[in-house]
PDB file of N, CA and C in Angstrom:
ATOM      1  N   MET A   1     -12.417   2.119 -25.206  1.00  0.00           N
ATOM      2  CA  MET A   1     -10.938   2.940 -25.058  1.00  0.00           C
ATOM      3  C   MET A   1     -11.121   3.609 -23.632  1.00  0.00           C
ATOM      4  N   GLU A   2     -10.011   3.399 -23.171  1.00  0.00           N
ATOM      5  CA  GLU A   2      -9.460   4.240 -22.008  1.00  0.00           C
ATOM      6  C   GLU A   2      -9.426   5.442 -21.720  1.00  0.00           C
ATOM      7  N   LYS A   3     -10.060   6.110 -20.905  1.00  0.00           N
ATOM      8  CA  LYS A   3      -9.998   7.336 -21.044  1.00  0.00           C
ATOM      9  C   LYS A   3      -8.610   7.827 -20.050  1.00  0.00           C
ATOM     10  N   PRO A   4      -8.222   9.179 -20.537  1.00  0.00           N
ATOM     11  CA  PRO A   4      -6.895   9.957 -19.902  1.00  0.00           C
ATOM     12  C   PRO A   4      -6.932   9.882 -18.304  1.00  0.00           C
ATOM     13  N   GLY A   5      -6.506   9.703 -17.545  1.00  0.00           N
ATOM     14  CA  GLY A   5      -6.285   9.940 -16.131  1.00  0.00           C
ATOM     15  C   GLY A   5      -5.115   9.189 -15.311  1.00  0.00           C
ATOM     16  N   VAL A   6      -5.407   9.151 -14.284  1.00  0.00           N
ATOM     17  CA  VAL A   6      -4.273   8.556 -13.495  1.00  0.00           C
ATOM     18  C   VAL A   6      -4.749   7.952 -12.350  1.00  0.00           C
ATOM     19  N   TRP A   7      -3.838   6.937 -11.718  1.00  0.00           N
ATOM     20  CA  TRP A   7      -4.872   6.110 -10.727  1.00  0.00           C
ATOM     21  C   TRP A   7      -3.601   6.727  -9.521  1.00  0.00           C
ATOM     22  N   MET A   8      -4.508   6.950  -8.530  1.00  0.00           N
ATOM     23  CA  MET A   8      -3.805   7.744  -7.374  1.00  0.00           C
ATOM     24  C   MET A   8      -4.347   6.903  -5.844  1.00  0.00           C
ATOM     25  N   MET A   9      -3.376   6.608  -4.744  1.00  0.00           N
ATOM     26  CA  MET A   9      -3.721   6.231  -3.698  1.00  0.00           C
ATOM     27  C   MET A   9      -3.136   6.989  -2.710  1.00  0.00           C
ATOM     28  N   GLU A  10      -3.658   7.026  -1.472  1.00  0.00           N
ATOM     29  CA  GLU A  10      -3.253   7.921  -0.647  1.00  0.00           C
ATOM     30  C   GLU A  10      -3.410   6.941   1.035  1.00  0.00           C
ATOM     31  N   LEU A  11      -2.073   7.329   1.733  1.00  0.00           N
ATOM     32  CA  LEU A  11      -2.194   6.212   3.027  1.00  0.00           C
ATOM     33  C   LEU A  11      -1.637   6.930   4.229  1.00  0.00           C
ATOM     34  N   ASP A  12      -2.528   7.333   5.120  1.00  0.00           N
ATOM     35  CA  ASP A  12      -2.163   7.972   6.491  1.00  0.00           C
ATOM     36  C   ASP A  12      -1.201   6.857   7.364  1.00  0.00           C
ATOM     37  N   ARG A  13      -0.238   7.441   7.311  1.00  0.00           N
ATOM     38  CA  ARG A  13       0.823   6.531   8.051  1.00  0.00           C
ATOM     39  C   ARG A  13       2.042   7.029   8.659  1.00  0.00           C
ATOM     40  N   PHE A  14       2.483   6.726   9.869  1.00  0.00           N
ATOM     41  CA  PHE A  14       3.799   7.028  10.146  1.00  0.00           C
ATOM     42  C   PHE A  14       3.899   9.045  10.771  1.00  0.00           C
ATOM     43  N   GLY A  15       2.734   9.407  10.564  1.00  0.00           N
ATOM     44  CA  GLY A  15       2.494  11.071  10.834  1.00  0.00           C
ATOM     45  C   GLY A  15       2.686  11.871   9.546  1.00  0.00           C
ATOM     46  N   TYR A  16       2.344  10.878   8.561  1.00  0.00           N
ATOM     47  CA  TYR A  16       2.370  11.316   7.063  1.00  0.00           C
ATOM     48  C   TYR A  16       1.372  11.095   6.134  1.00  0.00           C
ATOM     49  N   THR A  17       0.718  11.838   5.164  1.00  0.00           N
ATOM     50  CA  THR A  17      -0.067  11.137   4.096  1.00  0.00           C
ATOM     51  C   THR A  17       0.945  10.973   3.160  1.00  0.00           C
ATOM     52  N   LEU A  18       0.826   9.790   2.687  1.00  0.00           N
ATOM     53  CA  LEU A  18       1.986   9.181   1.642  1.00  0.00           C
ATOM     54  C   LEU A  18       0.755   8.859   0.671  1.00  0.00           C
ATOM     55  N   ARG A  19       1.153   9.472  -0.828  1.00  0.00           N
ATOM     56  CA  ARG A  19       0.381   9.753  -1.815  1.00  0.00           C
ATOM     57  C   ARG A  19       1.399   9.252  -3.167  1.00  0.00           C
ATOM     58  N   VAL A  20       0.721   8.559  -4.219  1.00  0.00           N
ATOM     59  CA  VAL A  20       1.111   8.011  -4.917  1.00  0.00           C
ATOM     60  C   VAL A  20       0.230   8.136  -6.389  1.00  0.00           C
ATOM     61  N   MET A  21       0.974   8.445  -7.446  1.00  0.00           N
ATOM     62  CA  MET A  21       0.015   8.300  -8.746  1.00  0.00           C
ATOM     63  C   MET A  21       0.725   7.433  -9.652  1.00  0.00           C
ATOM     64  N   GLY A  22      -0.238   6.734 -10.498  1.00  0.00           N
ATOM     65  CA  GLY A  22       0.724   5.698 -11.277  1.00  0.00           C
ATOM     66  C   GLY A  22      -0.419   5.565 -12.880  1.00  0.00           C
ATOM     67  N   ARG A  23       0.192   5.023 -13.774  1.00  0.00           N
ATOM     68  CA  ARG A  23      -0.731   5.004 -14.934  1.00  0.00           C
ATOM     69  C   ARG A  23      -1.345   3.787 -14.772  1.00  0.00           C
ATOM     70  N   THR A  24      -1.237   2.741 -14.105  1.00  0.00           N
ATOM     71  CA  THR A  24      -2.210   1.713 -13.683  1.00  0.00           C
ATOM     72  C   THR A  24      -2.320   1.649 -12.054  1.00  0.00           C
ATOM     73  N   LYS A  25      -3.551   0.850 -11.923  1.00  0.00           N
ATOM     74  CA  LYS A  25      -3.787   0.602 -10.435  1.00  0.00           C
ATOM     75  C   LYS A  25      -2.947  -0.338  -9.939  1.00  0.00           C
ATOM     76  N   GLU A  26      -2.546  -1.342 -10.407  1.00  0.00           N
ATOM     77  CA  GLU A  26      -1.089  -2.047  -9.918  1.00  0.00           C
ATOM     78  C   GLU A  26       0.235  -1.103  -9.736  1.00  0.00           C
ATOM     79  N   GLU A  27       0.425  -0.441 -10.826  1.00  0.00           N
ATOM     80  CA  GLU A  27       1.679   0.406 -10.382  1.00  0.00           C
ATOM     81  C   GLU A  27       1.280   1.359  -8.841  1.00  0.00           C
ATOM     82  N   ALA A  28       0.286   1.896  -8.875  1.00  0.00           N
ATOM     83  CA  ALA A  28       0.102   2.730  -8.073  1.00  0.00           C
ATOM     84  C   ALA A  28      -0.013   1.990  -6.773  1.00  0.00           C
ATOM     85  N   GLU A  29      -0.602   0.814  -6.611  1.00  0.00           N
ATOM     86  CA  GLU A  29      -0.747  -0.035  -5.488  1.00  0.00           C
ATOM     87  C   GLU A  29       0.566  -0.498  -4.654  1.00  0.00           C
ATOM     88  N   ASP A  30       1.478  -1.208  -6.105  1.00  0.00           N
ATOM     89  CA  ASP A  30       2.697  -1.620  -5.621  1.00  0.00           C
ATOM     90  C   ASP A  30       3.866  -0.714  -5.104  1.00  0.00           C
ATOM     91  N   ALA A  31       3.837   0.481  -5.833  1.00  0.00           N
ATOM     92  CA  ALA A  31       4.686   1.557  -5.497  1.00  0.00           C
ATOM     93  C   ALA A  31       4.362   1.825  -3.917  1.00  0.00           C
ATOM     94  N   MET A  32       2.981   1.867  -3.669  1.00  0.00           N
ATOM     95  CA  MET A  32       2.554   2.413  -2.002  1.00  0.00           C
ATOM     96  C   MET A  32       3.137   1.253  -1.011  1.00  0.00           C
ATOM     97  N   ARG A  33       2.882  -0.209  -1.407  1.00  0.00           N
ATOM     98  CA  ARG A  33       3.264  -1.531  -0.558  1.00  0.00           C
ATOM     99  C   ARG A  33       4.955  -0.989  -0.541  1.00  0.00           C
ATOM    100  N   GLU A  34       5.384  -1.084  -1.428  1.00  0.00           N
ATOM    101  CA  GLU A  34       7.101  -1.315  -1.622  1.00  0.00           C
ATOM    102  C   GLU A  34       7.478   0.170  -0.183  1.00  0.00           C
ATOM    103  N   GLU A  35       7.054   1.475  -0.695  1.00  0.00           N
ATOM    104  CA  GLU A  35       7.313   2.134   0.302  1.00  0.00           C
ATOM    105  C   GLU A  35       6.744   2.013   1.526  1.00  0.00           C
ATOM    106  N   TYR A  36       5.883   1.919   1.938  1.00  0.00           N
ATOM    107  CA  TYR A  36       5.500   1.244   3.086  1.00  0.00           C
ATOM    108  C   TYR A  36       6.438   0.294   3.923  1.00  0.00           C
ATOM    109  N   ILE A  37       6.334  -0.792   3.384  1.00  0.00           N
ATOM    110  CA  ILE A  37       7.409  -1.452   3.690  1.00  0.00           C
ATOM    111  C   ILE A  37       9.088  -1.224   4.063  1.00  0.00           C
ATOM    112  N   ARG A  38       9.442  -0.235   3.136  1.00  0.00           N
ATOM    113  CA  ARG A  38      10.848   0.388   3.435  1.00  0.00           C
ATOM    114  C   ARG A  38      10.616   1.407   4.467  1.00  0.00           C
ATOM    115  N   ALA A  39       9.679   2.094   4.540  1.00  0.00           N
ATOM    116  CA  ALA A  39       9.574   3.042   5.996  1.00  0.00           C
ATOM    117  C   ALA A  39       9.326   2.184   7.321  1.00  0.00           C
ATOM    118  N   TYR A  40       8.291   1.241   7.129  1.00  0.00           N
ATOM    119  CA  TYR A  40       8.243   0.256   8.425  1.00  0.00           C
ATOM    120  C   TYR A  40       9.112  -0.179   8.786  1.00  0.00           C
ATOM    121  N   ALA A  41      10.057  -0.673   7.706  1.00  0.00           N
ATOM    122  CA  ALA A  41      11.239  -1.425   8.310  1.00  0.00           C
ATOM    123  C   ALA A  41      12.084  -0.475   8.877  1.00  0.00           C
ATOM    124  N   LYS A  42      12.415   0.636   8.180  1.00  0.00           N
ATOM    125  CA  LYS A  42      13.288   1.567   8.965  1.00  0.00           C
ATOM    126  C   LYS A  42      12.996   2.524  10.379  1.00  0.00           C
ATOM    127  N   ILE A  43      11.374   2.403  10.252  1.00  0.00           N
ATOM    128  CA  ILE A  43      11.122   3.273  11.620  1.00  0.00           C
ATOM    129  C   ILE A  43      11.377   2.068  12.499  1.00  0.00           C
ATOM    130  N   ASN A  44      11.290   0.877  12.600  1.00  0.00           N
ATOM    131  CA  ASN A  44      11.111  -0.083  13.662  1.00  0.00           C
ATOM    132  C   ASN A  44      12.380  -0.902  13.414  1.00  0.00           C
ATOM    133  N   GLY A  45      13.396  -0.424  12.947  1.00  0.00           N
ATOM    134  CA  GLY A  45      14.377  -1.202  13.162  1.00  0.00           C
ATOM    135  C   GLY A  45      14.790  -2.573  12.681  1.00  0.00           C
ATOM    136  N   ILE A  46      14.128  -3.242  11.741  1.00  0.00           N
ATOM    137  CA  ILE A  46      14.075  -4.418  11.437  1.00  0.00           C
ATOM    138  C   ILE A  46      14.378  -4.568   9.680  1.00  0.00           C
ATOM    139  N   TYR A  47      14.643  -5.805   9.368  1.00  0.00           N
ATOM    140  CA  TYR A  47      15.406  -5.862   8.137  1.00  0.00           C
ATOM    141  C   TYR A  47      13.943  -6.038   7.029  1.00  0.00           C
ATOM    142  N   GLU A  48      14.144  -5.397   6.411  1.00  0.00           N
ATOM    143  CA  GLU A  48      13.105  -4.873   4.692  1.00  0.00           C
ATOM    144  C   GLU A  48      12.656  -6.375   4.197  1.00  0.00           C
ATOM    145  N   GLU A  49      13.940  -6.860   3.543  1.00  0.00           N
ATOM    146  CA  GLU A  49      13.664  -8.021   3.227  1.00  0.00           C
ATOM    147  C   GLU A  49      12.860  -9.427   3.894  1.00  0.00           C
ATOM    148  N   ALA A  50      13.538  -9.320   5.322  1.00  0.00           N
ATOM    149  CA  ALA A  50      12.476 -10.096   5.904  1.00  0.00           C
ATOM    150  C   ALA A  50      11.132 -10.199   6.462  1.00  0.00           C
ATOM    151  N   PHE A  51      11.104  -8.576   6.609  1.00  0.00           N
ATOM    152  CA  PHE A  51       9.449  -8.074   6.717  1.00  0.00           C
ATOM    153  C   PHE A  51       8.785  -8.233   5.350  1.00  0.00           C
ATOM    154  N   ALA A  52       9.513  -8.468   4.073  1.00  0.00           N
ATOM    155  CA  ALA A  52       8.390  -8.286   2.788  1.00  0.00           C
ATOM    156  C   ALA A  52       8.356  -9.935   2.640  1.00  0.00           C
ATOM    157  N   GLN A  53       9.496 -10.874   3.215  1.00  0.00           N
ATOM    158  CA  GLN A  53       9.014 -12.428   3.430  1.00  0.00           C
ATOM    159  C   GLN A  53       7.701 -12.715   4.156  1.00  0.00           C
ATOM    160  N   ALA A  54       7.717 -12.039   5.115  1.00  0.00           N
ATOM    161  CA  ALA A  54       6.960 -12.442   6.073  1.00  0.00           C
ATOM    162  C   ALA A  54       5.469 -12.002   5.761  1.00  0.00           C
ATOM    163  N   ILE A  55       5.591 -10.809   4.841  1.00  0.00           N
ATOM    164  CA  ILE A  55       4.282 -10.456   4.403  1.00  0.00           C
ATOM    165  C   ILE A  55       4.055 -11.425   3.141  1.00  0.00           C
ATOM    166  N   GLY A  56       4.561 -11.761   2.701  1.00  0.00           N
ATOM    167  CA  GLY A  56       4.443 -13.103   1.508  1.00  0.00           C
ATOM    168  C   GLY A  56       3.914 -14.101   1.938  1.00  0.00           C
ATOM    169  N   ARG A  57       4.766 -14.738   3.163  1.00  0.00           N
ATOM    170  CA  ARG A  57       4.157 -16.000   3.813  1.00  0.00           C
ATOM    171  C   ARG A  57       2.580 -15.876   4.136  1.00  0.00           C
ATOM    172  N   SER A  58       2.512 -14.803   5.059  1.00  0.00           N
ATOM    173  CA  SER A  58       1.312 -14.411   5.405  1.00  0.00           C
ATOM    174  C   SER A  58       0.225 -14.657   4.021  1.00  0.00           C
ATOM    175  N   ALA A  59       0.573 -13.751   2.915  1.00  0.00           N
ATOM    176  CA  ALA A  59      -0.546 -14.029   2.102  1.00  0.00           C
ATOM    177  C   ALA A  59      -0.790 -15.271   1.576  1.00  0.00           C
ATOM    178  N   LEU A  60       0.049 -16.024   1.534  1.00  0.00           N
ATOM    179  CA  LEU A  60      -0.300 -17.150   1.201  1.00  0.00           C
ATOM    180  C   LEU A  60      -0.978 -18.438   2.299  1.00  0.00           C
ATOM    181  N   CYS A  61      -0.656 -18.329   3.354  1.00  0.00           N
ATOM    182  CA  CYS A  61      -1.186 -19.310   4.641  1.00  0.00           C
ATOM    183  C   CYS A  61      -2.447 -18.740   4.801  1.00  0.00           C
ATOM    184  N   GLY A  62      -2.762 -17.139   4.721  1.00  0.00           N
ATOM    185  CA  GLY A  62      -4.134 -16.480   4.797  1.00  0.00           C
ATOM    186  C   GLY A  62      -4.624 -16.788   6.176  1.00  0.00           C
ATOM    187  N   ASP A  63      -3.998 -17.102   7.232  1.00  0.00           N
ATOM    188  CA  ASP A  63      -4.415 -17.247   8.753  1.00  0.00           C
ATOM    189  C   ASP A  63      -3.761 -16.171   9.578  1.00  0.00           C
ATOM    190  N   PRO A  64      -4.750 -15.030   9.631  1.00  0.00           N
ATOM    191  CA  PRO A  64      -4.218 -13.907  10.667  1.00  0.00           C
ATOM    192  C   PRO A  64      -3.926 -14.343  11.999  1.00  0.00           C
ATOM    193  N   ASP A  65      -4.270 -15.756  12.726  1.00  0.00           N
ATOM    194  CA  ASP A  65      -3.979 -15.919  13.657  1.00  0.00           C
ATOM    195  C   ASP A  65      -2.111 -15.883  13.905  1.00  0.00           C
ATOM    196  N   GLU A  66      -1.952 -16.553  12.857  1.00  0.00           N
ATOM    197  CA  GLU A  66      -0.396 -16.885  12.564  1.00  0.00           C
ATOM    198  C   GLU A  66       0.800 -15.324  12.113  1.00  0.00           C
ATOM    199  N   GLU A  67      -0.270 -14.456  12.127  1.00  0.00           N
ATOM    200  CA  GLU A  67       0.686 -13.517  11.823  1.00  0.00           C
ATOM    201  C   GLU A  67       1.356 -12.632  13.216  1.00  0.00           C
ATOM    202  N   ASP A  68       2.647 -12.002  12.845  1.00  0.00           N
ATOM    203  CA  ASP A  68       3.179 -11.335  14.010  1.00  0.00           C
ATOM    204  C   ASP A  68       2.475  -9.917  13.775  1.00  0.00           C
ATOM    205  N   GLU A  69       2.915  -9.236  14.827  1.00  0.00           N
ATOM    206  CA  GLU A  69       2.548  -7.880  15.019  1.00  0.00           C
ATOM    207  C   GLU A  69       3.041  -6.809  13.927  1.00  0.00           C
ATOM    208  N   ASP A  70       4.182  -7.005  13.147  1.00  0.00           N
ATOM    209  CA  ASP A  70       4.354  -5.916  12.017  1.00  0.00           C
ATOM    210  C   ASP A  70       3.569  -6.360  10.527  1.00  0.00           C
ATOM    211  N   VAL A  71       3.160  -7.960  10.675  1.00  0.00           N
ATOM    212  CA  VAL A  71       2.335  -8.025   9.441  1.00  0.00           C
ATOM    213  C   VAL A  71       1.018  -7.669   9.559  1.00  0.00           C
ATOM    214  N   ALA A  72       0.433  -7.646  10.704  1.00  0.00           N
ATOM    215  CA  ALA A  72      -0.708  -7.286  11.418  1.00  0.00           C
ATOM    216  C   ALA A  72      -0.979  -5.996  10.820  1.00  0.00           C
ATOM    217  N   CYS A  73      -0.006  -4.728  11.057  1.00  0.00           N
ATOM    218  CA  CYS A  73       0.145  -3.649  11.130  1.00  0.00           C
ATOM    219  C   CYS A  73       0.043  -2.982   9.338  1.00  0.00           C
ATOM    220  N   TYR A  74       0.838  -3.850   8.469  1.00  0.00           N
ATOM    221  CA  TYR A  74       0.764  -4.096   7.265  1.00  0.00           C
ATOM    222  C   TYR A  74      -0.607  -4.142   6.620  1.00  0.00           C
ATOM    223  N   ARG A  75      -1.368  -5.504   7.033  1.00  0.00           N
ATOM    224  CA  ARG A  75      -2.681  -6.027   6.621  1.00  0.00           C
ATOM    225  C   ARG A  75      -3.633  -4.856   6.899  1.00  0.00           C
ATOM    226  N   ALA A  76      -3.707  -4.159   8.180  1.00  0.00           N
ATOM    227  CA  ALA A  76      -4.476  -3.071   8.837  1.00  0.00           C
ATOM    228  C   ALA A  76      -4.234  -1.829   7.551  1.00  0.00           C
ATOM    229  N   ALA A  77      -3.098  -1.267   7.472  1.00  0.00           N
ATOM    230  CA  ALA A  77      -2.948  -0.255   6.515  1.00  0.00           C
ATOM    231  C   ALA A  77      -3.371  -0.228   5.130  1.00  0.00           C
ATOM    232  N   PHE A  78      -3.281  -1.337   4.620  1.00  0.00           N
ATOM    233  CA  PHE A  78      -4.101  -1.800   3.410  1.00  0.00           C
ATOM    234  C   PHE A  78      -5.697  -2.560   2.956  1.00  0.00           C
ATOM    235  N   GLU A  79      -6.210  -2.719   4.497  1.00  0.00           N
ATOM    236  CA  GLU A  79      -7.249  -3.426   4.645  1.00  0.00           C
ATOM    237  C   GLU A  79      -8.170  -2.594   3.576  1.00  0.00           C
ATOM    238  N   ASN A  80      -8.409  -1.079   3.680  1.00  0.00           N
ATOM    239  CA  ASN A  80      -9.546  -0.762   3.131  1.00  0.00           C
ATOM    240  C   ASN A  80      -9.308   0.446   2.581  1.00  0.00           C
ATOM    241  N   ASN A  81      -7.716   0.462   1.773  1.00  0.00           N
ATOM    242  CA  ASN A  81      -7.186   1.371   1.046  1.00  0.00           C
ATOM    243  C   ASN A  81      -7.069   0.521  -0.360  1.00  0.00           C
ATOM    244  N   GLU A  82      -7.248   1.355  -1.481  1.00  0.00           N
ATOM    245  CA  GLU A  82      -6.748   1.039  -2.579  1.00  0.00           C
ATOM    246  C   GLU A  82      -6.765   2.314  -3.775  1.00  0.00           C
ATOM    247  N   ALA A  83      -6.190   2.134  -4.511  1.00  0.00           N
ATOM    248  CA  ALA A  83      -5.721   3.412  -5.805  1.00  0.00           C
ATOM    249  C   ALA A  83      -7.377   3.506  -6.401  1.00  0.00           C
ATOM    250  N   HIS A  84      -7.485   4.786  -6.693  1.00  0.00           N
ATOM    251  CA  HIS A  84      -8.730   5.175  -7.420  1.00  0.00           C
ATOM    252  C   HIS A  84      -8.384   5.923  -8.589  1.00  0.00           C
ATOM    253  N   PHE A  85      -9.474   6.027  -9.742  1.00  0.00           N
ATOM    254  CA  PHE A  85      -8.850   6.644 -11.107  1.00  0.00           C
ATOM    255  C   PHE A  85      -9.604   7.774 -11.166  1.00  0.00           C
ATOM    256  N   TYR A  86      -9.100   8.674 -11.106  1.00  0.00           N
ATOM    257  CA  TYR A  86      -9.215  10.255 -11.444  1.00  0.00           C
ATOM    258  C   TYR A  86      -8.661  10.476 -13.123  1.00  0.00           C
ATOM    259  N   GLU A  87     -10.208  10.903 -13.564  1.00  0.00           N
ATOM    260  CA  GLU A  87      -9.904  11.226 -15.027  1.00  0.00           C
ATOM    261  C   GLU A  87      -9.622  12.605 -15.286  1.00  0.00           C
ATOM    262  N   PHE A  88      -8.777  12.914 -16.296  1.00  0.00           N
ATOM    263  CA  PHE A  88      -8.108  14.095 -16.412  1.00  0.00           C
ATOM    264  C   PHE A  88      -9.369  15.176 -16.902  1.00  0.00           C
ATOM    265  N   GLY A  89      -9.268  16.138 -16.347  1.00  0.00           N
ATOM    266  CA  GLY A  89     -10.519  17.360 -16.875  1.00  0.00           C
ATOM    267  C   GLY A  89     -11.632  17.123 -16.426  1.00  0.00           C
ATOM    268  N   LYS A  90     -11.955  16.140 -15.248  1.00  0.00           N
ATOM    269  CA  LYS A  90     -13.192  15.872 -14.846  1.00  0.00           C
ATOM    270  C   LYS A  90     -13.119  16.334 -13.261  1.00  0.00           C
ATOM    271  N   VAL A  91     -13.931  16.877 -13.016  1.00  0.00           N
ATOM    272  CA  VAL A  91     -13.957  17.226 -11.506  1.00  0.00           C
ATOM    273  C   VAL A  91     -14.651  16.298 -10.475  1.00  0.00           C
ATOM    274  N   GLU A  92     -13.877  15.773  -9.569  1.00  0.00           N
ATOM    275  CA  GLU A  92     -14.542  14.669  -8.280  1.00  0.00           C
ATOM    276  C   GLU A  92     -14.904  15.615  -7.374  1.00  0.00           C
ATOM    277  N   TRP A  93     -15.856  15.112  -6.832  1.00  0.00           N
ATOM    278  CA  TRP A  93     -16.520  15.482  -5.702  1.00  0.00           C
ATOM    279  C   TRP A  93     -16.589  14.395  -4.530  1.00  0.00           C
ATOM    280  N   GLU A  94     -15.670  14.601  -3.841  1.00  0.00           N
ATOM    281  CA  GLU A  94     -15.990  13.811  -2.189  1.00  0.00           C
ATOM    282  C   GLU A  94     -16.091  14.134  -1.078  1.00  0.00           C
TER     283      GLU A  94
END
């Protein structure tokens, strides 16, 4: 039986701390990735859809040497970041 709680993810980018919570790990991580793509594209004046497609192509080929700078920034942002589960009513010491 799954304990009640929330999946949370934080990412320090663009001069802010981005924070998302979701019912599942995938929901939290997908929301963070979508927001990162939207914000990065807007800040850097590139097309959001083209950026998302470049990330997808990079994930398929798996060759970091073939990545452009934008995709490398995306990969670095999520390299060591993932959502963590926080159980309701339980104190977490970090």
